[in-house]
Amino acid sequence: MNESNEFKKRINGNIQYNVKQDKELFDLIEKADKIYNNNFLPITNFERAVFFSWGCTIGDCGFCYMSTQPKDKPPKETKRSMESIFAEFILSKNLGWDIGFFTGGIGVFNPDELNFMLKIINEITEEKIWLSVGPLSKPLLEKYKPYIKGVVGSTETINPMLHKKVCPSKPLKPYEIMFEHAKKLGLKKAMTFIVGMGESKEDLSLLIEFIRKYEIDKIHVYGLIPVNGTMFEGYKAPTKEEQAWWIANLRIIFPQLDIQCGVWDDRVDRISFLLKAGANSISKFKATKLFGTEIADEIEHQAAIAGRKFKGTLTKLPDIDWKKDIEKLSLSDESKKTIMYKLNLYLSKMKANKLKKEELIMIRTIQAENMIN
């Protein structure tokens, strides 16, 4: 069997972890849950990854939607307006969402532009944030240090052969160097790991070694999203048991590691399972688009099932003066007006979602009463 066919078999599920809902897995999760509760409060929250662009100068990572963007469209043309970005940070702050990281396509904004945005974001959040913009040199880390708590390496997978296959133009070595610089500068270090791309249980030892070597503080454990147009189109998404297996093992080995579980809107029913496996927080949910919907309700419900208090909200808009956070920013009046306009677009959509949900509940109530009568 050639390498290409073997790879396709791995990622399409013919070579599996053989992880099932059996006693071994549940014993593992029970142990991980106890370790979590011994090291953290029984809370969880949603983490928002704020993107500044929808294109990338690399653009060939096999799992990423950015690889499906038109090749004749310059990545810099996919960047968002700064005002739109700032509006999203204001929204996230007031809804109690943590910022998973600020990210986007590599090379889309130049260092001065990025540093300016980080400064304004710091004025909004009043705290340092995680930054994920590819491997950064020591001088750039020093430049951004006043505004960032740490850097995220989009490592994706640690298996060297698999990494070469899915991220041909994004080697691990530059991230390893960045982590070494970050340590010397006193910055925190985070990494990403995607379950379902063809890794095996044996890769756990590689991941453990990597975390220990670079003293990783946080890991984002995602489940593969088989995006149309990528090499994974049509392939199976990993099960909740597979994603939980990685989370639980990491929790047991690293009791104080910050572990975030990434879930898509069609996988919210697995959240309680992943939290019980030892995850700290939740991400990947399309929170602005689905705010106030029944899916958002379910996320908060899943947290309760896992015995966690949900910090922040995905369902209720606060009654506040949204202009307050805008007025304090060191920006022109014109920029502030644009931010308010962008923010109102978000808020209008969220309010519409709530009204639509209330209408659906009313219709169901009437239908139920008619059936009884």
Protein backbone atom coordinates (compact mmCIF):
# COMPACT_ATOMS: atom_id res chain seq x y z
CA MET A 1 0.00 0.00 0.00
CA ASN A 2 1.45 3.38 -0.96
CA GLU A 3 1.87 6.22 1.56
CA SER A 4 -1.09 8.21 0.24
CA ASN A 5 -3.56 5.33 0.55
CA GLU A 6 -2.24 4.40 3.99
CA PHE A 7 -2.72 7.99 5.14
CA LYS A 8 -6.27 8.09 3.81
CA LYS A 9 -7.10 4.89 5.70
CA ARG A 10 -5.77 6.34 8.95
CA ILE A 11 -7.74 9.56 8.81
CA ASN A 12 -10.90 7.95 7.46
CA GLY A 13 -11.23 5.72 10.48
CA ASN A 14 -9.95 2.34 9.29
CA ILE A 15 -7.03 2.65 11.71
CA GLN A 16 -8.58 3.77 14.99
CA TYR A 17 -7.62 4.21 18.62
CA ASN A 18 -10.09 1.43 19.38
CA VAL A 19 -11.45 3.75 22.06
CA LYS A 20 -14.93 2.66 23.16
CA GLN A 21 -17.35 3.48 25.92
CA ASP A 22 -15.92 0.76 28.09
CA LYS A 23 -14.83 0.54 31.71
CA GLU A 24 -11.22 1.43 30.92
CA LEU A 25 -12.19 4.77 29.38
CA PHE A 26 -14.67 5.67 32.08
CA ASP A 27 -12.15 4.80 34.79
CA LEU A 28 -9.71 7.10 33.04
CA ILE A 29 -12.25 9.93 32.91
CA GLU A 30 -13.24 9.42 36.54
CA LYS A 31 -9.60 9.72 37.57
CA ALA A 32 -9.09 12.82 35.42
CA ASP A 33 -12.21 14.45 36.87
CA LYS A 34 -10.96 13.93 40.43
CA ILE A 35 -7.60 15.43 39.53
CA TYR A 36 -9.30 18.43 37.93
CA ASN A 37 -11.40 19.04 41.04
CA ASN A 38 -8.32 18.79 43.24
CA ASN A 39 -6.59 21.54 41.26
CA PHE A 40 -9.33 23.86 39.96
CA LEU A 41 -12.62 25.36 41.03
CA PRO A 42 -15.79 23.72 39.57
CA ILE A 43 -16.24 26.36 36.88
CA THR A 44 -15.92 26.60 33.14
CA ASN A 45 -16.25 29.30 30.50
CA PHE A 46 -16.33 30.02 26.81
CA GLU A 47 -13.12 31.18 25.17
CA ARG A 48 -13.40 33.33 22.07
CA ALA A 49 -10.72 33.17 19.42
CA VAL A 50 -10.79 36.54 17.68
CA PHE A 51 -9.66 36.37 14.05
CA PHE A 52 -8.25 39.36 12.22
CA SER A 53 -8.33 37.75 8.75
CA TRP A 54 -9.74 34.87 6.73
CA GLY A 55 -6.67 34.25 4.58
CA CYS A 56 -3.09 33.18 5.14
CA THR A 57 0.21 33.58 3.30
CA ILE A 58 0.94 29.88 3.96
CA GLY A 59 -2.49 28.54 3.04
CA ASP A 60 -1.69 24.85 2.60
CA CYS A 61 -2.42 23.24 5.99
CA GLY A 62 -4.49 20.21 5.06
CA PHE A 63 -7.21 20.68 7.69
CA CYS A 64 -7.66 24.47 7.52
CA TYR A 65 -10.44 26.34 5.74
CA MET A 66 -7.89 29.01 4.82
CA SER A 67 -6.38 26.49 2.40
CA THR A 68 -9.65 26.57 0.44
CA GLN A 69 -9.51 30.30 -0.22
CA PRO A 70 -8.97 31.41 -3.85
CA LYS A 71 -5.26 31.30 -4.63
CA ASP A 72 -5.49 34.46 -6.73
CA LYS A 73 -6.82 36.51 -3.80
CA PRO A 74 -4.02 38.13 -1.78
CA PRO A 75 -4.31 37.17 1.93
CA LYS A 76 -4.05 40.84 2.93
CA GLU A 77 -7.37 41.43 1.17
CA THR A 78 -9.05 39.02 3.60
CA LYS A 79 -8.26 41.05 6.70
CA ARG A 80 -11.02 42.57 8.78
CA SER A 81 -11.27 46.24 9.61
CA MET A 82 -9.67 47.17 12.91
CA GLU A 83 -12.96 48.68 14.06
CA SER A 84 -14.73 45.35 13.56
CA ILE A 85 -12.02 43.59 15.56
CA PHE A 86 -12.25 46.09 18.41
CA ALA A 87 -16.05 45.75 18.46
CA GLU A 88 -15.69 41.99 18.93
CA PHE A 89 -13.32 42.45 21.84
CA ILE A 90 -15.75 44.86 23.51
CA LEU A 91 -18.55 42.35 23.02
CA SER A 92 -16.45 39.49 24.41
CA LYS A 93 -15.43 41.46 27.48
CA ASN A 94 -18.98 42.40 28.42
CA LEU A 95 -20.36 38.91 27.88
CA GLY A 96 -17.72 37.43 30.16
CA TRP A 97 -15.90 35.49 27.45
CA ASP A 98 -12.20 34.83 27.89
CA ILE A 99 -10.01 35.50 24.88
CA GLY A 100 -8.58 32.17 23.78
CA PHE A 101 -6.21 34.04 21.52
CA PHE A 102 -5.98 36.80 18.93
CA THR A 103 -5.16 35.20 15.62
CA GLY A 104 -5.38 35.25 11.84
CA GLY A 105 -3.43 34.44 8.73
CA ILE A 106 0.33 34.64 9.00
CA GLY A 107 1.72 37.75 7.31
CA VAL A 108 -1.59 39.57 6.89
CA PHE A 109 -0.78 42.51 9.20
CA ASN A 110 2.71 43.94 9.59
CA PRO A 111 4.29 44.12 13.09
CA ASP A 112 3.49 47.81 13.62
CA GLU A 113 -0.16 47.31 12.68
CA LEU A 114 -0.40 44.30 14.96
CA ASN A 115 1.27 46.15 17.82
CA PHE A 116 -1.19 49.05 17.43
CA MET A 117 -4.14 46.64 17.59
CA LEU A 118 -2.71 44.93 20.66
CA LYS A 119 -2.42 48.32 22.37
CA ILE A 120 -6.08 49.19 21.72
CA ILE A 121 -7.20 45.67 22.67
CA ASN A 122 -5.37 46.11 25.97
CA GLU A 123 -7.29 49.34 26.55
CA ILE A 124 -10.52 47.37 26.01
CA THR A 125 -9.80 44.22 28.00
CA GLU A 126 -7.56 45.84 30.62
CA GLU A 127 -5.53 42.65 30.66
CA LYS A 128 -2.94 40.89 28.55
CA ILE A 129 -4.07 38.32 25.98
CA TRP A 130 -2.78 35.24 24.18
CA LEU A 131 -1.38 35.83 20.68
CA SER A 132 -1.27 33.30 17.85
CA VAL A 133 0.26 34.71 14.66
CA GLY A 134 2.79 32.07 13.70
CA PRO A 135 6.33 31.64 15.02
CA LEU A 136 7.64 34.96 16.32
CA SER A 137 11.24 36.10 16.66
CA LYS A 138 12.61 37.29 19.98
CA PRO A 139 12.56 40.97 18.90
CA LEU A 140 8.85 40.70 18.01
CA LEU A 141 8.06 38.95 21.27
CA GLU A 142 9.76 41.82 23.08
CA LYS A 143 7.77 44.32 20.99
CA TYR A 144 4.42 42.70 21.83
CA LYS A 145 5.28 41.78 25.43
CA PRO A 146 3.57 44.81 27.07
CA TYR A 147 0.22 43.57 25.73
CA ILE A 148 0.41 39.75 25.70
CA LYS A 149 0.46 37.13 28.45
CA GLY A 150 1.81 34.46 26.14
CA VAL A 151 2.04 32.99 22.67
CA VAL A 152 0.22 30.09 21.05
CA GLY A 153 2.06 27.77 18.70
CA SER A 154 -0.30 26.29 16.12
CA THR A 155 1.50 22.97 16.32
CA GLU A 156 -1.61 20.92 15.38
CA THR A 157 0.07 17.49 15.79
CA ILE A 158 3.39 16.27 17.19
CA ASN A 159 3.89 13.13 15.10
CA PRO A 160 6.66 14.30 12.70
CA MET A 161 5.46 12.30 9.69
CA LEU A 162 1.84 13.31 10.16
CA HIS A 163 2.81 16.94 10.73
CA LYS A 164 4.78 17.00 7.50
CA LYS A 165 1.75 15.62 5.69
CA VAL A 166 -0.89 18.00 7.04
CA CYS A 167 1.26 21.12 7.54
CA PRO A 168 3.87 20.93 4.74
CA SER A 169 4.84 24.61 4.96
CA LYS A 170 4.52 25.04 8.73
CA PRO A 171 7.29 23.02 10.45
CA LEU A 172 7.46 22.61 14.22
CA LYS A 173 11.02 23.87 14.66
CA PRO A 174 10.23 27.62 14.42
CA TYR A 175 7.57 27.20 17.11
CA GLU A 176 10.04 25.34 19.31
CA ILE A 177 12.46 28.25 18.98
CA MET A 178 9.65 30.70 19.78
CA PHE A 179 8.80 28.76 22.94
CA GLU A 180 12.44 28.95 24.06
CA HIS A 181 12.46 32.72 23.54
CA ALA A 182 9.12 33.07 25.32
CA LYS A 183 10.45 31.23 28.35
CA LYS A 184 13.42 33.58 28.60
CA LEU A 185 11.09 36.58 28.37
CA GLY A 186 8.72 35.27 31.03
CA LEU A 187 5.84 34.75 28.59
CA LYS A 188 3.43 31.83 28.85
CA LYS A 189 3.35 29.14 26.17
CA ALA A 190 0.37 27.40 24.62
CA MET A 191 -0.07 24.91 21.78
CA THR A 192 -2.80 23.36 19.67
CA PHE A 193 -3.54 19.68 19.07
CA ILE A 194 -6.15 18.39 16.63
CA VAL A 195 -7.65 14.96 17.28
CA GLY A 196 -8.73 12.92 14.27
CA MET A 197 -6.07 13.69 11.64
CA GLY A 198 -4.46 10.25 11.77
CA GLU A 199 -2.58 10.30 15.07
CA SER A 200 -2.36 7.17 17.21
CA LYS A 201 -2.34 6.42 20.92
CA GLU A 202 1.40 5.94 20.70
CA ASP A 203 1.74 9.65 19.87
CA LEU A 204 0.75 10.48 23.46
CA SER A 205 4.34 9.94 24.58
CA LEU A 206 5.54 12.43 21.95
CA LEU A 207 3.00 14.98 23.13
CA ILE A 208 3.97 14.49 26.79
CA GLU A 209 7.65 14.92 25.94
CA PHE A 210 6.92 18.11 23.96
CA ILE A 211 4.84 19.64 26.76
CA ARG A 212 7.53 18.88 29.31
CA LYS A 213 10.42 20.05 27.16
CA TYR A 214 8.90 23.44 26.37
CA GLU A 215 7.03 23.83 29.66
CA ILE A 216 3.70 24.35 27.93
CA ASP A 217 1.16 26.14 30.14
CA LYS A 218 -1.96 25.56 28.04
CA ILE A 219 -3.15 23.25 25.28
CA HIS A 220 -6.14 23.59 22.95
CA VAL A 221 -7.46 20.10 22.15
CA TYR A 222 -9.68 20.29 19.09
CA GLY A 223 -11.63 17.67 17.20
CA LEU A 224 -11.05 17.66 13.45
CA ILE A 225 -13.67 19.49 11.39
CA PRO A 226 -13.68 17.84 7.93
CA VAL A 227 -13.87 21.06 5.89
CA ASN A 228 -15.09 20.80 2.30
CA GLY A 229 -12.31 21.45 -0.17
CA THR A 230 -9.55 20.20 2.14
CA MET A 231 -7.77 16.84 2.20
CA PHE A 232 -10.18 15.78 4.98
CA GLU A 233 -13.40 16.46 3.05
CA GLY A 234 -15.86 13.64 3.62
CA TYR A 235 -13.89 12.03 6.41
CA LYS A 236 -15.26 11.12 9.82
CA ALA A 237 -15.02 13.56 12.68
CA PRO A 238 -13.47 12.11 15.85
CA THR A 239 -15.89 10.77 18.43
CA LYS A 240 -16.30 12.33 21.85
CA GLU A 241 -14.56 9.27 23.32
CA GLU A 242 -11.49 9.85 21.16
CA GLN A 243 -11.26 13.53 22.06
CA ALA A 244 -11.89 12.76 25.73
CA TRP A 245 -9.14 10.11 25.77
CA TRP A 246 -6.50 12.71 24.95
CA ILE A 247 -7.90 15.26 27.39
CA ALA A 248 -8.15 12.77 30.25
CA ASN A 249 -4.62 11.46 29.77
CA LEU A 250 -3.21 14.99 29.68
CA ARG A 251 -5.13 15.94 32.81
CA ILE A 252 -3.81 12.92 34.70
CA ILE A 253 -0.20 13.50 33.64
CA PHE A 254 -0.33 17.31 33.97
CA PRO A 255 -2.70 18.13 36.88
CA GLN A 256 -2.33 21.91 36.54
CA LEU A 257 -2.20 22.20 32.74
CA ASP A 258 -4.84 24.54 31.28
CA ILE A 259 -6.76 22.35 28.83
CA GLN A 260 -9.31 23.81 26.45
CA CYS A 261 -11.68 21.61 24.44
CA GLY A 262 -12.79 22.79 21.03
CA VAL A 263 -16.33 21.85 19.96
CA TRP A 264 -18.37 22.74 16.88
CA ASP A 265 -22.06 23.59 17.03
CA ASP A 266 -22.99 20.06 15.97
CA ARG A 267 -21.01 18.58 18.88
CA VAL A 268 -22.30 20.51 21.90
CA ASP A 269 -23.78 17.32 23.36
CA ARG A 270 -20.25 16.12 24.13
CA ILE A 271 -19.27 19.12 26.25
CA SER A 272 -20.15 17.61 29.64
CA PHE A 273 -18.20 14.48 28.70
CA LEU A 274 -15.11 16.52 27.79
CA LEU A 275 -15.37 18.64 30.92
CA LYS A 276 -15.58 15.48 33.05
CA ALA A 277 -12.48 14.29 31.21
CA GLY A 278 -10.63 17.26 32.67
CA ALA A 279 -11.01 20.17 30.27
CA ASN A 280 -11.03 23.66 31.78
CA SER A 281 -12.88 25.60 29.10
CA ILE A 282 -14.79 25.47 25.82
CA SER A 283 -14.08 27.01 22.41
CA LYS A 284 -14.82 26.80 18.69
CA PHE A 285 -18.53 27.58 19.16
CA LYS A 286 -19.87 30.22 16.75
CA ALA A 287 -20.90 32.38 19.67
CA THR A 288 -21.78 35.62 17.88
CA LYS A 289 -23.83 33.86 15.21
CA LEU A 290 -25.62 31.47 17.59
CA PHE A 291 -25.86 33.62 20.71
CA GLY A 292 -29.21 33.21 22.46
CA THR A 293 -30.23 30.15 20.44
CA GLU A 294 -31.23 26.76 21.81
CA ILE A 295 -27.74 25.50 20.95
CA ALA A 296 -26.26 28.18 23.20
CA ASP A 297 -28.71 27.15 25.94
CA GLU A 298 -27.47 23.60 25.61
CA ILE A 299 -23.83 24.60 26.12
CA GLU A 300 -24.66 26.23 29.45
CA HIS A 301 -26.77 23.18 30.34
CA GLN A 302 -23.89 20.85 29.48
CA ALA A 303 -21.66 22.74 31.91
CA ALA A 304 -24.24 22.17 34.66
CA ILE A 305 -24.42 18.45 33.84
CA ALA A 306 -20.66 18.29 34.38
CA GLY A 307 -21.03 19.98 37.75
CA ARG A 308 -19.50 23.25 36.57
CA LYS A 309 -20.69 26.80 37.01
CA PHE A 310 -20.66 28.61 33.66
CA LYS A 311 -18.86 31.95 33.80
CA GLY A 312 -20.13 34.61 31.45
CA THR A 313 -23.10 34.07 29.15
CA LEU A 314 -24.02 32.75 25.72
CA THR A 315 -27.72 33.47 26.18
CA LYS A 316 -28.40 36.82 27.89
CA LEU A 317 -27.35 40.28 26.75
CA PRO A 318 -26.45 42.61 29.62
CA ASP A 319 -28.28 45.90 30.01
CA ILE A 320 -25.27 48.22 29.88
CA ASP A 321 -23.98 51.37 28.22
CA TRP A 322 -22.00 49.85 25.34
CA LYS A 323 -20.55 53.25 24.44
CA LYS A 324 -18.62 53.41 27.70
CA ASP A 325 -15.88 51.03 26.57
CA ILE A 326 -15.63 52.76 23.20
CA GLU A 327 -15.29 56.31 24.50
CA LYS A 328 -12.21 55.53 26.60
CA LEU A 329 -10.19 54.29 23.60
CA SER A 330 -7.34 56.38 22.21
CA LEU A 331 -8.86 56.48 18.73
CA SER A 332 -10.38 59.12 16.49
CA ASP A 333 -14.06 60.01 16.81
CA GLU A 334 -14.63 58.54 13.35
CA SER A 335 -13.14 55.19 14.41
CA LYS A 336 -15.27 55.18 17.55
CA LYS A 337 -18.43 55.74 15.47
CA THR A 338 -17.47 52.85 13.22
CA ILE A 339 -16.84 50.58 16.21
CA MET A 340 -20.29 51.42 17.59
CA TYR A 341 -21.83 50.65 14.20
CA LYS A 342 -20.07 47.28 14.04
CA LEU A 343 -21.03 46.50 17.62
CA ASN A 344 -24.67 47.26 16.89
CA LEU A 345 -24.59 44.78 14.03
CA TYR A 346 -23.56 42.06 16.49
CA LEU A 347 -26.15 43.12 19.06
CA SER A 348 -28.98 43.27 16.50
CA LYS A 349 -28.27 39.72 15.37
CA MET A 350 -28.15 38.48 18.97
CA LYS A 351 -31.43 40.17 19.87
CA ALA A 352 -33.04 38.69 16.74
CA ASN A 353 -31.88 35.21 17.77
CA LYS A 354 -33.53 35.63 21.17
CA LEU A 355 -36.83 36.75 19.64
CA LYS A 356 -36.78 33.87 17.18
CA LYS A 357 -36.18 31.38 20.00
CA GLU A 358 -39.07 32.84 22.01
CA GLU A 359 -41.35 32.54 18.97
CA LEU A 360 -40.35 28.89 18.49
CA ILE A 361 -41.06 28.13 22.14
CA MET A 362 -44.48 29.79 21.85
CA ILE A 363 -45.33 27.81 18.70
CA ARG A 364 -44.33 24.53 20.36
CA THR A 365 -46.39 25.38 23.43
CA ILE A 366 -49.47 26.07 21.30
CA GLN A 367 -48.93 22.88 19.30
CA ALA A 368 -48.60 20.85 22.49
CA GLU A 369 -51.79 22.34 23.91
CA ASN A 370 -53.66 21.61 20.68
CA MET A 371 -52.53 17.98 20.80
CA ILE A 372 -53.83 17.65 24.36
CA ASN A 373 -57.13 19.22 23.45
